[in-house]
Amino acid sequence: MPTTAELTLLASAWILYFLLHSLLASLRVKRFFARRLPPVMPWYRLLFNLIAAILLLPPLALLWLYRSDPLWQWQGGMAWLAYALMLLALLGFIWSMGYYDSKEFLGLGQLQRGQGDGGDREQLRISPLHRFVRHPWYSLGLVLIWTQDMDPARLVSASIVTAYLVLGSRLEEAKLLRCHGDAYRDYRQRVPGLIPRPWRFLSPSEVERILGKYR
């Protein structure tokens, strides 16, 4: 069983990771590099993804190092339900990737264009999952996190990652509002953020209305 000091170190590693991740993703930092180091900007998104992957290694290593007996395990029918939800979340990730611009996500599009600013050039898109929640990858991530068996290290990690996804979704929305204006504001009023609600979703025709209205 990990000690309090070890769990504190793990929590600190996750918090530091997310602080650096949010800082590097911010428009302020991107604009700083655009002004001071313009040649870096076409590479920025690609380097951001690489740095994010490397910085993720320390908290993951600590999570593995501090593994211990579980605080709880899903049993019987609940275990089957947890496995089914995990599988559906993974399939949801794979399926939804087809609705994202992979070149823009990875940074290859910015590199090919020689993009010299920190802005978002991608148009507003509302995929099938976006009709039900504004941040489907975050929602699917929460399902994957909380369907796991939990030991103390996993519980600390899950709690911090959850807090970041909630806060990160709000920070992301501030950028989306600056990039897409009234179109995103209209969309946000109609669709919940992370938790689907049966009475709040967009039909395909409503999606076309929103996208067509602001083109």
N, C-alpha and C. Protein backbone atom coordinates (compact mmCIF):
# COMPACT_ATOMS: atom_id res chain seq x y z
N MET A 1 0.85 -1.20 0.00
CA MET A 1 0.00 0.00 0.00
C MET A 1 0.89 1.25 0.00
N PRO A 2 0.69 2.16 -0.93
CA PRO A 2 1.53 3.37 -0.99
C PRO A 2 1.31 4.26 0.23
N THR A 3 2.36 4.96 0.62
CA THR A 3 2.29 5.86 1.76
C THR A 3 1.63 7.18 1.34
N THR A 4 1.30 7.99 2.34
CA THR A 4 0.73 9.31 2.06
C THR A 4 1.69 10.15 1.24
N ALA A 5 2.98 10.07 1.57
CA ALA A 5 3.99 10.84 0.82
C ALA A 5 4.05 10.39 -0.64
N GLU A 6 3.94 9.09 -0.88
CA GLU A 6 3.98 8.59 -2.25
C GLU A 6 2.75 9.03 -3.04
N LEU A 7 1.59 8.99 -2.40
CA LEU A 7 0.37 9.43 -3.08
C LEU A 7 0.42 10.94 -3.34
N THR A 8 1.01 11.68 -2.42
CA THR A 8 1.17 13.13 -2.62
C THR A 8 2.09 13.40 -3.81
N LEU A 9 3.17 12.63 -3.92
CA LEU A 9 4.08 12.77 -5.06
C LEU A 9 3.36 12.44 -6.36
N LEU A 10 2.55 11.39 -6.36
CA LEU A 10 1.79 11.02 -7.55
C LEU A 10 0.82 12.13 -7.94
N ALA A 11 0.10 12.65 -6.95
CA ALA A 11 -0.84 13.74 -7.22
C ALA A 11 -0.12 14.96 -7.77
N SER A 12 1.04 15.27 -7.20
CA SER A 12 1.81 16.43 -7.65
C SER A 12 2.28 16.24 -9.09
N ALA A 13 2.67 15.01 -9.44
CA ALA A 13 3.12 14.73 -10.81
C ALA A 13 1.99 14.96 -11.81
N TRP A 14 0.78 14.50 -11.46
CA TRP A 14 -0.36 14.71 -12.35
C TRP A 14 -0.70 16.19 -12.46
N ILE A 15 -0.70 16.90 -11.34
CA ILE A 15 -1.05 18.33 -11.36
C ILE A 15 -0.04 19.11 -12.18
N LEU A 16 1.25 18.82 -12.00
CA LEU A 16 2.27 19.50 -12.77
C LEU A 16 2.11 19.21 -14.26
N TYR A 17 1.80 17.96 -14.59
CA TYR A 17 1.60 17.60 -16.00
C TYR A 17 0.47 18.42 -16.60
N PHE A 18 -0.65 18.49 -15.91
CA PHE A 18 -1.80 19.19 -16.48
C PHE A 18 -1.59 20.70 -16.52
N LEU A 19 -0.85 21.25 -15.56
CA LEU A 19 -0.53 22.67 -15.61
C LEU A 19 0.32 22.99 -16.84
N LEU A 20 1.35 22.18 -17.08
CA LEU A 20 2.20 22.40 -18.25
C LEU A 20 1.43 22.19 -19.55
N HIS A 21 0.57 21.16 -19.56
CA HIS A 21 -0.24 20.87 -20.74
C HIS A 21 -1.15 22.06 -21.07
N SER A 22 -1.82 22.60 -20.06
CA SER A 22 -2.73 23.73 -20.29
C SER A 22 -1.96 24.97 -20.69
N LEU A 23 -0.79 25.18 -20.09
CA LEU A 23 0.02 26.35 -20.42
C LEU A 23 0.46 26.31 -21.88
N LEU A 24 0.97 25.17 -22.32
CA LEU A 24 1.46 25.05 -23.70
C LEU A 24 0.31 25.11 -24.71
N ALA A 25 -0.90 24.71 -24.28
CA ALA A 25 -2.05 24.74 -25.18
C ALA A 25 -2.72 26.10 -25.26
N SER A 26 -2.34 27.02 -24.37
CA SER A 26 -3.03 28.31 -24.30
C SER A 26 -2.69 29.19 -25.49
N LEU A 27 -3.64 30.01 -25.90
CA LEU A 27 -3.41 30.93 -27.00
C LEU A 27 -2.34 31.95 -26.66
N ARG A 28 -2.23 32.32 -25.40
CA ARG A 28 -1.24 33.31 -24.99
C ARG A 28 0.18 32.81 -25.27
N VAL A 29 0.44 31.55 -24.91
CA VAL A 29 1.78 30.99 -25.15
C VAL A 29 2.02 30.82 -26.64
N LYS A 30 1.01 30.38 -27.38
CA LYS A 30 1.17 30.23 -28.82
C LYS A 30 1.49 31.57 -29.48
N ARG A 31 0.80 32.61 -29.04
CA ARG A 31 1.05 33.92 -29.63
C ARG A 31 2.42 34.46 -29.23
N PHE A 32 2.87 34.10 -28.03
CA PHE A 32 4.21 34.49 -27.61
C PHE A 32 5.26 33.89 -28.55
N PHE A 33 5.13 32.61 -28.85
CA PHE A 33 6.08 31.96 -29.76
C PHE A 33 5.93 32.51 -31.17
N ALA A 34 4.70 32.85 -31.56
CA ALA A 34 4.49 33.40 -32.90
C ALA A 34 5.21 34.73 -33.06
N ARG A 35 5.25 35.52 -31.97
CA ARG A 35 5.94 36.82 -32.04
C ARG A 35 7.45 36.67 -31.93
N ARG A 36 7.89 35.81 -31.00
CA ARG A 36 9.32 35.74 -30.70
C ARG A 36 10.08 34.72 -31.55
N LEU A 37 9.43 33.61 -31.89
CA LEU A 37 10.09 32.54 -32.64
C LEU A 37 9.18 32.06 -33.78
N PRO A 38 8.92 32.90 -34.76
CA PRO A 38 8.01 32.52 -35.85
C PRO A 38 8.35 31.20 -36.54
N PRO A 39 9.64 30.86 -36.75
CA PRO A 39 9.93 29.59 -37.44
C PRO A 39 9.44 28.35 -36.69
N VAL A 40 9.20 28.50 -35.38
CA VAL A 40 8.76 27.35 -34.58
C VAL A 40 7.29 27.03 -34.83
N MET A 41 6.50 28.04 -35.20
CA MET A 41 5.05 27.88 -35.19
C MET A 41 4.51 26.78 -36.10
N PRO A 42 5.03 26.58 -37.31
CA PRO A 42 4.51 25.46 -38.10
C PRO A 42 4.71 24.11 -37.41
N TRP A 43 5.71 24.04 -36.54
CA TRP A 43 6.01 22.80 -35.82
C TRP A 43 5.31 22.72 -34.46
N TYR A 44 4.62 23.79 -34.07
CA TYR A 44 4.18 23.90 -32.67
C TYR A 44 3.27 22.75 -32.25
N ARG A 45 2.25 22.47 -33.03
CA ARG A 45 1.29 21.43 -32.65
C ARG A 45 1.98 20.06 -32.60
N LEU A 46 2.83 19.79 -33.55
CA LEU A 46 3.55 18.52 -33.57
C LEU A 46 4.44 18.39 -32.33
N LEU A 47 5.17 19.45 -32.01
CA LEU A 47 6.03 19.44 -30.82
C LEU A 47 5.20 19.37 -29.54
N PHE A 48 4.05 20.05 -29.54
CA PHE A 48 3.16 20.00 -28.38
C PHE A 48 2.72 18.57 -28.09
N ASN A 49 2.33 17.84 -29.13
CA ASN A 49 1.91 16.45 -28.93
C ASN A 49 3.05 15.58 -28.45
N LEU A 50 4.24 15.80 -28.99
CA LEU A 50 5.40 15.02 -28.59
C LEU A 50 5.76 15.29 -27.13
N ILE A 51 5.79 16.57 -26.76
CA ILE A 51 6.11 16.94 -25.37
C ILE A 51 5.06 16.40 -24.42
N ALA A 52 3.77 16.48 -24.81
CA ALA A 52 2.70 15.97 -23.96
C ALA A 52 2.86 14.48 -23.71
N ALA A 53 3.26 13.74 -24.75
CA ALA A 53 3.45 12.29 -24.59
C ALA A 53 4.63 11.99 -23.67
N ILE A 54 5.72 12.74 -23.82
CA ILE A 54 6.91 12.51 -22.99
C ILE A 54 6.63 12.86 -21.53
N LEU A 55 5.97 14.01 -21.31
CA LEU A 55 5.69 14.44 -19.94
C LEU A 55 4.69 13.54 -19.24
N LEU A 56 3.93 12.77 -20.01
CA LEU A 56 2.97 11.83 -19.42
C LEU A 56 3.65 10.63 -18.77
N LEU A 57 4.88 10.35 -19.17
CA LEU A 57 5.57 9.15 -18.68
C LEU A 57 5.82 9.15 -17.17
N PRO A 58 6.28 10.26 -16.55
CA PRO A 58 6.52 10.21 -15.10
C PRO A 58 5.30 9.87 -14.24
N PRO A 59 4.13 10.55 -14.44
CA PRO A 59 2.98 10.15 -13.62
C PRO A 59 2.52 8.72 -13.89
N LEU A 60 2.62 8.27 -15.15
CA LEU A 60 2.24 6.89 -15.44
C LEU A 60 3.21 5.90 -14.79
N ALA A 61 4.49 6.24 -14.76
CA ALA A 61 5.47 5.38 -14.10
C ALA A 61 5.20 5.29 -12.60
N LEU A 62 4.87 6.42 -11.99
CA LEU A 62 4.55 6.41 -10.56
C LEU A 62 3.27 5.62 -10.30
N LEU A 63 2.28 5.77 -11.18
CA LEU A 63 1.04 5.01 -11.03
C LEU A 63 1.32 3.52 -11.07
N TRP A 64 2.19 3.08 -11.96
CA TRP A 64 2.55 1.66 -12.03
C TRP A 64 3.37 1.25 -10.81
N LEU A 65 4.28 2.11 -10.37
CA LEU A 65 5.15 1.79 -9.24
C LEU A 65 4.36 1.63 -7.95
N TYR A 66 3.32 2.44 -7.79
CA TYR A 66 2.56 2.45 -6.54
C TYR A 66 1.32 1.57 -6.59
N ARG A 67 1.23 0.69 -7.55
CA ARG A 67 0.06 -0.20 -7.62
C ARG A 67 0.01 -1.08 -6.36
N SER A 68 -1.20 -1.44 -5.95
CA SER A 68 -1.37 -2.22 -4.72
C SER A 68 -2.72 -2.93 -4.77
N ASP A 69 -3.11 -3.54 -3.67
CA ASP A 69 -4.40 -4.22 -3.61
C ASP A 69 -5.52 -3.22 -3.83
N PRO A 70 -6.56 -3.63 -4.54
CA PRO A 70 -7.64 -2.68 -4.87
C PRO A 70 -8.47 -2.30 -3.64
N LEU A 71 -8.94 -1.06 -3.68
CA LEU A 71 -9.91 -0.61 -2.69
C LEU A 71 -11.27 -1.21 -2.99
N TRP A 72 -11.59 -1.33 -4.28
CA TRP A 72 -12.81 -2.04 -4.69
C TRP A 72 -12.61 -2.64 -6.07
N GLN A 73 -13.35 -3.70 -6.33
CA GLN A 73 -13.36 -4.37 -7.62
C GLN A 73 -14.79 -4.59 -8.05
N TRP A 74 -15.03 -4.43 -9.34
CA TRP A 74 -16.36 -4.73 -9.86
C TRP A 74 -16.56 -6.24 -9.86
N GLN A 75 -17.71 -6.67 -9.38
CA GLN A 75 -17.99 -8.10 -9.24
C GLN A 75 -19.28 -8.46 -9.97
N GLY A 76 -19.35 -9.72 -10.43
CA GLY A 76 -20.59 -10.25 -11.00
C GLY A 76 -21.11 -9.43 -12.16
N GLY A 77 -22.40 -9.11 -12.08
CA GLY A 77 -23.05 -8.36 -13.15
C GLY A 77 -22.46 -6.97 -13.33
N MET A 78 -22.02 -6.35 -12.23
CA MET A 78 -21.41 -5.02 -12.33
C MET A 78 -20.09 -5.08 -13.10
N ALA A 79 -19.35 -6.18 -12.95
CA ALA A 79 -18.10 -6.33 -13.70
C ALA A 79 -18.38 -6.43 -15.19
N TRP A 80 -19.40 -7.22 -15.56
CA TRP A 80 -19.77 -7.33 -16.98
C TRP A 80 -20.22 -5.97 -17.53
N LEU A 81 -20.97 -5.23 -16.72
CA LEU A 81 -21.41 -3.89 -17.15
C LEU A 81 -20.21 -2.97 -17.34
N ALA A 82 -19.25 -3.04 -16.40
CA ALA A 82 -18.05 -2.20 -16.50
C ALA A 82 -17.26 -2.54 -17.76
N TYR A 83 -17.10 -3.85 -18.04
CA TYR A 83 -16.38 -4.27 -19.23
C TYR A 83 -17.09 -3.81 -20.50
N ALA A 84 -18.41 -3.92 -20.50
CA ALA A 84 -19.18 -3.50 -21.67
C ALA A 84 -19.04 -2.00 -21.91
N LEU A 85 -19.08 -1.22 -20.83
CA LEU A 85 -18.93 0.23 -20.97
C LEU A 85 -17.53 0.59 -21.45
N MET A 86 -16.52 -0.13 -20.94
CA MET A 86 -15.15 0.11 -21.41
C MET A 86 -15.04 -0.15 -22.90
N LEU A 87 -15.61 -1.28 -23.35
CA LEU A 87 -15.55 -1.64 -24.76
C LEU A 87 -16.28 -0.60 -25.61
N LEU A 88 -17.45 -0.18 -25.16
CA LEU A 88 -18.20 0.82 -25.92
C LEU A 88 -17.44 2.15 -25.99
N ALA A 89 -16.78 2.52 -24.89
CA ALA A 89 -16.00 3.76 -24.89
C ALA A 89 -14.83 3.67 -25.87
N LEU A 90 -14.15 2.54 -25.89
CA LEU A 90 -13.04 2.35 -26.83
C LEU A 90 -13.52 2.40 -28.28
N LEU A 91 -14.64 1.71 -28.54
CA LEU A 91 -15.21 1.74 -29.89
C LEU A 91 -15.66 3.14 -30.26
N GLY A 92 -16.18 3.87 -29.26
CA GLY A 92 -16.58 5.26 -29.51
C GLY A 92 -15.41 6.13 -29.90
N PHE A 93 -14.27 5.93 -29.23
CA PHE A 93 -13.05 6.66 -29.60
C PHE A 93 -12.67 6.37 -31.05
N ILE A 94 -12.61 5.08 -31.37
CA ILE A 94 -12.18 4.67 -32.71
C ILE A 94 -13.13 5.22 -33.78
N TRP A 95 -14.42 5.07 -33.54
CA TRP A 95 -15.41 5.53 -34.50
C TRP A 95 -15.37 7.05 -34.68
N SER A 96 -15.25 7.77 -33.58
CA SER A 96 -15.30 9.23 -33.65
C SER A 96 -14.07 9.83 -34.30
N MET A 97 -12.96 9.09 -34.34
CA MET A 97 -11.75 9.62 -34.96
C MET A 97 -11.96 9.94 -36.43
N GLY A 98 -12.90 9.25 -37.06
CA GLY A 98 -13.18 9.51 -38.47
C GLY A 98 -13.80 10.87 -38.71
N TYR A 99 -14.31 11.52 -37.65
CA TYR A 99 -14.95 12.83 -37.79
C TYR A 99 -14.01 13.97 -37.41
N TYR A 100 -12.77 13.65 -37.04
CA TYR A 100 -11.78 14.67 -36.74
C TYR A 100 -10.78 14.78 -37.89
N ASP A 101 -10.20 15.94 -38.03
CA ASP A 101 -9.14 16.14 -39.01
C ASP A 101 -7.83 15.68 -38.37
N SER A 102 -7.41 14.48 -38.71
CA SER A 102 -6.24 13.88 -38.05
C SER A 102 -4.98 14.70 -38.32
N LYS A 103 -4.88 15.30 -39.49
CA LYS A 103 -3.70 16.11 -39.80
C LYS A 103 -3.62 17.33 -38.88
N GLU A 104 -4.77 17.96 -38.65
CA GLU A 104 -4.78 19.12 -37.76
C GLU A 104 -4.50 18.70 -36.32
N PHE A 105 -5.08 17.58 -35.91
CA PHE A 105 -4.90 17.10 -34.54
C PHE A 105 -3.44 16.77 -34.27
N LEU A 106 -2.78 16.12 -35.22
CA LEU A 106 -1.38 15.73 -35.03
C LEU A 106 -0.41 16.89 -35.25
N GLY A 107 -0.84 17.88 -36.01
CA GLY A 107 0.05 19.00 -36.31
C GLY A 107 0.64 18.95 -37.70
N LEU A 108 0.29 17.95 -38.49
CA LEU A 108 0.84 17.82 -39.84
C LEU A 108 0.26 18.86 -40.79
N GLY A 109 -1.02 19.20 -40.58
CA GLY A 109 -1.65 20.20 -41.42
C GLY A 109 -0.98 21.56 -41.26
N GLN A 110 -0.70 21.95 -40.01
CA GLN A 110 -0.04 23.22 -39.74
C GLN A 110 1.36 23.24 -40.34
N LEU A 111 2.03 22.09 -40.28
CA LEU A 111 3.39 22.00 -40.83
C LEU A 111 3.37 22.12 -42.35
N GLN A 112 2.42 21.45 -42.99
CA GLN A 112 2.32 21.51 -44.46
C GLN A 112 2.00 22.92 -44.94
N ARG A 113 1.14 23.62 -44.19
CA ARG A 113 0.77 24.99 -44.58
C ARG A 113 1.84 26.01 -44.23
N GLY A 114 2.76 25.63 -43.34
CA GLY A 114 3.72 26.60 -42.83
C GLY A 114 3.04 27.64 -41.98
N GLN A 115 2.03 27.22 -41.20
CA GLN A 115 1.22 28.15 -40.41
C GLN A 115 2.09 28.90 -39.41
N GLY A 116 2.02 30.22 -39.46
CA GLY A 116 2.90 31.04 -38.64
C GLY A 116 2.24 31.67 -37.44
N ASP A 117 0.96 31.37 -37.18
CA ASP A 117 0.30 31.93 -36.00
C ASP A 117 -0.20 30.80 -35.13
N GLY A 118 -0.75 31.18 -33.97
CA GLY A 118 -1.23 30.16 -33.02
C GLY A 118 -2.71 29.93 -33.08
N GLY A 119 -3.35 30.41 -34.14
CA GLY A 119 -4.80 30.29 -34.22
C GLY A 119 -5.26 28.91 -34.65
N ASP A 120 -6.56 28.68 -34.52
CA ASP A 120 -7.19 27.44 -34.92
C ASP A 120 -7.85 27.65 -36.28
N ARG A 121 -7.34 26.96 -37.29
CA ARG A 121 -7.88 27.13 -38.65
C ARG A 121 -9.02 26.16 -38.95
N GLU A 122 -9.25 25.20 -38.09
CA GLU A 122 -10.25 24.17 -38.39
C GLU A 122 -11.66 24.73 -38.22
N GLN A 123 -12.54 24.40 -39.16
CA GLN A 123 -13.91 24.84 -39.08
C GLN A 123 -14.65 24.10 -37.98
N LEU A 124 -15.73 24.73 -37.50
CA LEU A 124 -16.57 24.08 -36.49
C LEU A 124 -17.23 22.86 -37.10
N ARG A 125 -17.07 21.73 -36.43
CA ARG A 125 -17.69 20.49 -36.88
C ARG A 125 -18.51 19.91 -35.75
N ILE A 126 -19.65 19.34 -36.09
CA ILE A 126 -20.51 18.70 -35.08
C ILE A 126 -20.72 17.27 -35.54
N SER A 127 -19.94 16.36 -34.96
CA SER A 127 -20.01 14.94 -35.31
C SER A 127 -21.24 14.32 -34.66
N PRO A 128 -21.58 13.07 -35.00
CA PRO A 128 -22.72 12.43 -34.34
C PRO A 128 -22.64 12.43 -32.82
N LEU A 129 -21.46 12.17 -32.25
CA LEU A 129 -21.34 12.20 -30.79
C LEU A 129 -21.45 13.62 -30.24
N HIS A 130 -21.01 14.61 -31.02
CA HIS A 130 -21.13 16.00 -30.59
C HIS A 130 -22.59 16.46 -30.53
N ARG A 131 -23.47 15.71 -31.12
CA ARG A 131 -24.89 16.07 -31.00
C ARG A 131 -25.41 15.83 -29.60
N PHE A 132 -24.71 15.01 -28.81
CA PHE A 132 -25.19 14.63 -27.48
C PHE A 132 -24.36 15.22 -26.35
N VAL A 133 -23.05 15.43 -26.58
CA VAL A 133 -22.19 16.10 -25.60
C VAL A 133 -21.18 16.96 -26.37
N ARG A 134 -20.77 18.06 -25.76
CA ARG A 134 -19.87 18.98 -26.45
C ARG A 134 -18.43 18.46 -26.46
N HIS A 135 -18.10 17.57 -25.54
CA HIS A 135 -16.73 17.06 -25.44
C HIS A 135 -16.75 15.52 -25.36
N PRO A 136 -17.08 14.86 -26.46
CA PRO A 136 -17.27 13.41 -26.41
C PRO A 136 -16.02 12.64 -25.99
N TRP A 137 -14.83 13.08 -26.39
CA TRP A 137 -13.63 12.35 -25.99
C TRP A 137 -13.42 12.45 -24.48
N TYR A 138 -13.72 13.59 -23.91
CA TYR A 138 -13.61 13.72 -22.45
C TYR A 138 -14.63 12.80 -21.77
N SER A 139 -15.84 12.77 -22.31
CA SER A 139 -16.88 11.91 -21.72
C SER A 139 -16.49 10.44 -21.80
N LEU A 140 -15.98 10.02 -22.96
CA LEU A 140 -15.55 8.63 -23.12
C LEU A 140 -14.36 8.34 -22.20
N GLY A 141 -13.48 9.32 -22.03
CA GLY A 141 -12.36 9.15 -21.12
C GLY A 141 -12.81 8.93 -19.69
N LEU A 142 -13.84 9.66 -19.28
CA LEU A 142 -14.38 9.48 -17.92
C LEU A 142 -14.95 8.08 -17.74
N VAL A 143 -15.59 7.55 -18.78
CA VAL A 143 -16.11 6.19 -18.70
C VAL A 143 -14.96 5.20 -18.51
N LEU A 144 -13.90 5.36 -19.29
CA LEU A 144 -12.75 4.46 -19.17
C LEU A 144 -12.10 4.55 -17.80
N ILE A 145 -12.03 5.74 -17.25
CA ILE A 145 -11.39 5.92 -15.95
C ILE A 145 -12.19 5.24 -14.83
N TRP A 146 -13.48 5.49 -14.79
CA TRP A 146 -14.28 5.06 -13.64
C TRP A 146 -14.88 3.67 -13.77
N THR A 147 -14.59 2.97 -14.86
CA THR A 147 -14.99 1.56 -14.95
C THR A 147 -13.84 0.64 -14.54
N GLN A 148 -12.71 1.22 -14.10
CA GLN A 148 -11.57 0.43 -13.65
C GLN A 148 -11.74 0.03 -12.18
N ASP A 149 -11.09 -1.09 -11.81
CA ASP A 149 -10.93 -1.39 -10.38
C ASP A 149 -10.01 -0.33 -9.79
N MET A 150 -10.24 0.04 -8.54
CA MET A 150 -9.52 1.16 -7.96
C MET A 150 -8.66 0.74 -6.77
N ASP A 151 -7.35 1.03 -6.88
CA ASP A 151 -6.48 0.98 -5.71
C ASP A 151 -6.20 2.44 -5.33
N PRO A 152 -5.49 2.73 -4.23
CA PRO A 152 -5.29 4.12 -3.83
C PRO A 152 -4.63 4.99 -4.91
N ALA A 153 -3.62 4.46 -5.59
CA ALA A 153 -2.94 5.25 -6.62
C ALA A 153 -3.87 5.54 -7.79
N ARG A 154 -4.66 4.55 -8.20
CA ARG A 154 -5.60 4.77 -9.29
C ARG A 154 -6.68 5.76 -8.89
N LEU A 155 -7.13 5.69 -7.65
CA LEU A 155 -8.18 6.60 -7.19
C LEU A 155 -7.69 8.04 -7.18
N VAL A 156 -6.47 8.25 -6.69
CA VAL A 156 -5.89 9.59 -6.70
C VAL A 156 -5.77 10.09 -8.14
N SER A 157 -5.26 9.23 -9.02
CA SER A 157 -5.08 9.60 -10.42
C SER A 157 -6.42 9.90 -11.09
N ALA A 158 -7.39 9.01 -10.86
CA ALA A 158 -8.71 9.18 -11.48
C ALA A 158 -9.36 10.48 -11.03
N SER A 159 -9.22 10.82 -9.75
CA SER A 159 -9.83 12.04 -9.23
C SER A 159 -9.22 13.28 -9.85
N ILE A 160 -7.88 13.29 -9.98
CA ILE A 160 -7.21 14.46 -10.54
C ILE A 160 -7.49 14.57 -12.04
N VAL A 161 -7.45 13.46 -12.75
CA VAL A 161 -7.74 13.49 -14.19
C VAL A 161 -9.18 13.97 -14.43
N THR A 162 -10.11 13.51 -13.60
CA THR A 162 -11.51 13.94 -13.73
C THR A 162 -11.63 15.44 -13.52
N ALA A 163 -10.98 15.94 -12.47
CA ALA A 163 -11.02 17.38 -12.20
C ALA A 163 -10.44 18.16 -13.37
N TYR A 164 -9.37 17.64 -13.96
CA TYR A 164 -8.76 18.34 -15.10
C TYR A 164 -9.68 18.31 -16.31
N LEU A 165 -10.34 17.20 -16.57
CA LEU A 165 -11.23 17.12 -17.73
C LEU A 165 -12.39 18.10 -17.59
N VAL A 166 -12.90 18.26 -16.37
CA VAL A 166 -13.97 19.23 -16.16
C VAL A 166 -13.45 20.65 -16.38
N LEU A 167 -12.31 20.97 -15.74
CA LEU A 167 -11.74 22.30 -15.90
C LEU A 167 -11.23 22.51 -17.32
N GLY A 168 -10.57 21.49 -17.88
CA GLY A 168 -10.04 21.61 -19.23
C GLY A 168 -11.11 21.84 -20.27
N SER A 169 -12.28 21.23 -20.07
CA SER A 169 -13.37 21.42 -21.02
C SER A 169 -13.82 22.88 -21.04
N ARG A 170 -13.76 23.53 -19.87
CA ARG A 170 -14.15 24.94 -19.81
C ARG A 170 -13.10 25.84 -20.46
N LEU A 171 -11.83 25.51 -20.24
CA LEU A 171 -10.77 26.28 -20.88
C LEU A 171 -10.84 26.13 -22.40
N GLU A 172 -11.12 24.91 -22.84
CA GLU A 172 -11.23 24.67 -24.28
C GLU A 172 -12.40 25.44 -24.88
N GLU A 173 -13.48 25.52 -24.12
CA GLU A 173 -14.65 26.23 -24.64
C GLU A 173 -14.38 27.72 -24.79
N ALA A 174 -13.57 28.27 -23.90
CA ALA A 174 -13.22 29.69 -24.05
C ALA A 174 -12.50 29.92 -25.37
N LYS A 175 -11.62 28.98 -25.76
CA LYS A 175 -10.92 29.10 -27.04
C LYS A 175 -11.89 28.90 -28.21
N LEU A 176 -12.80 27.94 -28.07
CA LEU A 176 -13.75 27.67 -29.14
C LEU A 176 -14.68 28.86 -29.37
N LEU A 177 -15.05 29.53 -28.31
CA LEU A 177 -15.89 30.72 -28.46
C LEU A 177 -15.14 31.82 -29.19
N ARG A 178 -13.85 31.98 -28.88
CA ARG A 178 -13.07 33.00 -29.59
C ARG A 178 -12.89 32.63 -31.07
N CYS A 179 -12.76 31.34 -31.34
CA CYS A 179 -12.52 30.89 -32.72
C CYS A 179 -13.79 30.89 -33.56
N HIS A 180 -14.92 30.47 -32.96
CA HIS A 180 -16.13 30.21 -33.75
C HIS A 180 -17.31 31.12 -33.38
N GLY A 181 -17.17 31.91 -32.34
CA GLY A 181 -18.15 32.94 -32.03
C GLY A 181 -19.57 32.45 -31.81
N ASP A 182 -20.52 33.09 -32.49
CA ASP A 182 -21.94 32.83 -32.27
C ASP A 182 -22.34 31.40 -32.63
N ALA A 183 -21.66 30.81 -33.61
CA ALA A 183 -22.00 29.44 -33.99
C ALA A 183 -21.79 28.49 -32.81
N TYR A 184 -20.64 28.63 -32.14
CA TYR A 184 -20.39 27.76 -30.99
C TYR A 184 -21.27 28.14 -29.82
N ARG A 185 -21.56 29.42 -29.65
CA ARG A 185 -22.43 29.86 -28.55
C ARG A 185 -23.82 29.27 -28.71
N ASP A 186 -24.33 29.26 -29.92
CA ASP A 186 -25.64 28.67 -30.21
C ASP A 186 -25.61 27.17 -29.92
N TYR A 187 -24.57 26.51 -30.39
CA TYR A 187 -24.41 25.06 -30.15
C TYR A 187 -24.33 24.75 -28.66
N ARG A 188 -23.56 25.53 -27.93
CA ARG A 188 -23.36 25.28 -26.50
C ARG A 188 -24.66 25.40 -25.71
N GLN A 189 -25.54 26.26 -26.13
CA GLN A 189 -26.81 26.43 -25.42
C GLN A 189 -27.73 25.22 -25.58
N ARG A 190 -27.48 24.41 -26.62
CA ARG A 190 -28.38 23.31 -26.92
C ARG A 190 -27.88 21.95 -26.44
N VAL A 191 -26.57 21.81 -26.18
CA VAL A 191 -25.98 20.50 -25.93
C VAL A 191 -25.21 20.52 -24.61
N PRO A 192 -25.37 19.51 -23.74
CA PRO A 192 -24.61 19.48 -22.47
C PRO A 192 -23.12 19.26 -22.70
N GLY A 193 -22.33 19.56 -21.67
CA GLY A 193 -20.88 19.51 -21.81
C GLY A 193 -20.29 18.12 -21.79
N LEU A 194 -20.47 17.39 -20.68
CA LEU A 194 -19.80 16.10 -20.50
C LEU A 194 -20.76 14.94 -20.27
N ILE A 195 -21.90 15.20 -19.64
CA ILE A 195 -22.84 14.12 -19.29
C ILE A 195 -24.07 14.23 -20.19
N PRO A 196 -24.34 13.21 -21.02
CA PRO A 196 -25.51 13.27 -21.91
C PRO A 196 -26.81 13.36 -21.11
N ARG A 197 -27.76 14.08 -21.68
CA ARG A 197 -29.10 14.18 -21.09
C ARG A 197 -30.11 13.90 -22.19
N PRO A 198 -31.03 12.97 -21.94
CA PRO A 198 -31.95 12.54 -23.01
C PRO A 198 -32.76 13.67 -23.63
N TRP A 199 -32.99 14.73 -22.89
CA TRP A 199 -33.84 15.81 -23.38
C TRP A 199 -33.02 16.95 -24.02
N ARG A 200 -31.69 16.81 -24.07
CA ARG A 200 -30.86 17.87 -24.65
C ARG A 200 -29.90 17.27 -25.68
N PHE A 201 -30.28 17.33 -26.93
CA PHE A 201 -29.41 16.88 -28.01
C PHE A 201 -29.88 17.54 -29.30
N LEU A 202 -29.07 17.44 -30.31
CA LEU A 202 -29.39 18.04 -31.60
C LEU A 202 -29.77 16.96 -32.61
N SER A 203 -30.80 17.21 -33.37
CA SER A 203 -31.12 16.35 -34.48
C SER A 203 -30.20 16.70 -35.64
N PRO A 204 -30.06 15.81 -36.64
CA PRO A 204 -29.22 16.15 -37.80
C PRO A 204 -29.64 17.44 -38.49
N SER A 205 -30.95 17.68 -38.55
CA SER A 205 -31.41 18.91 -39.21
C SER A 205 -31.03 20.15 -38.40
N GLU A 206 -31.03 20.03 -37.08
CA GLU A 206 -30.62 21.16 -36.24
C GLU A 206 -29.12 21.44 -36.38
N VAL A 207 -28.34 20.38 -36.55
CA VAL A 207 -26.91 20.56 -36.79
C VAL A 207 -26.70 21.36 -38.08
N GLU A 208 -27.42 20.98 -39.14
CA GLU A 208 -27.28 21.69 -40.41
C GLU A 208 -27.73 23.15 -40.28
N ARG A 209 -28.75 23.37 -39.48
CA ARG A 209 -29.23 24.74 -39.29
C ARG A 209 -28.16 25.60 -38.63
N ILE A 210 -27.54 25.06 -37.55
CA ILE A 210 -26.52 25.84 -36.85
C ILE A 210 -25.31 26.10 -37.74
N LEU A 211 -24.84 25.07 -38.41
CA LEU A 211 -23.65 25.23 -39.25
C LEU A 211 -23.94 26.13 -40.45
N GLY A 212 -25.13 25.97 -41.02
CA GLY A 212 -25.49 26.79 -42.18
C GLY A 212 -25.74 28.23 -41.84
N LYS A 213 -26.23 28.48 -40.64
CA LYS A 213 -26.60 29.84 -40.23
C LYS A 213 -25.38 30.74 -40.14
N TYR A 214 -24.24 30.18 -39.76
CA TYR A 214 -23.07 31.02 -39.49
C TYR A 214 -21.96 30.85 -40.52
N ARG A 215 -22.23 30.17 -41.63
CA ARG A 215 -21.21 30.03 -42.65
C ARG A 215 -21.06 31.32 -43.45
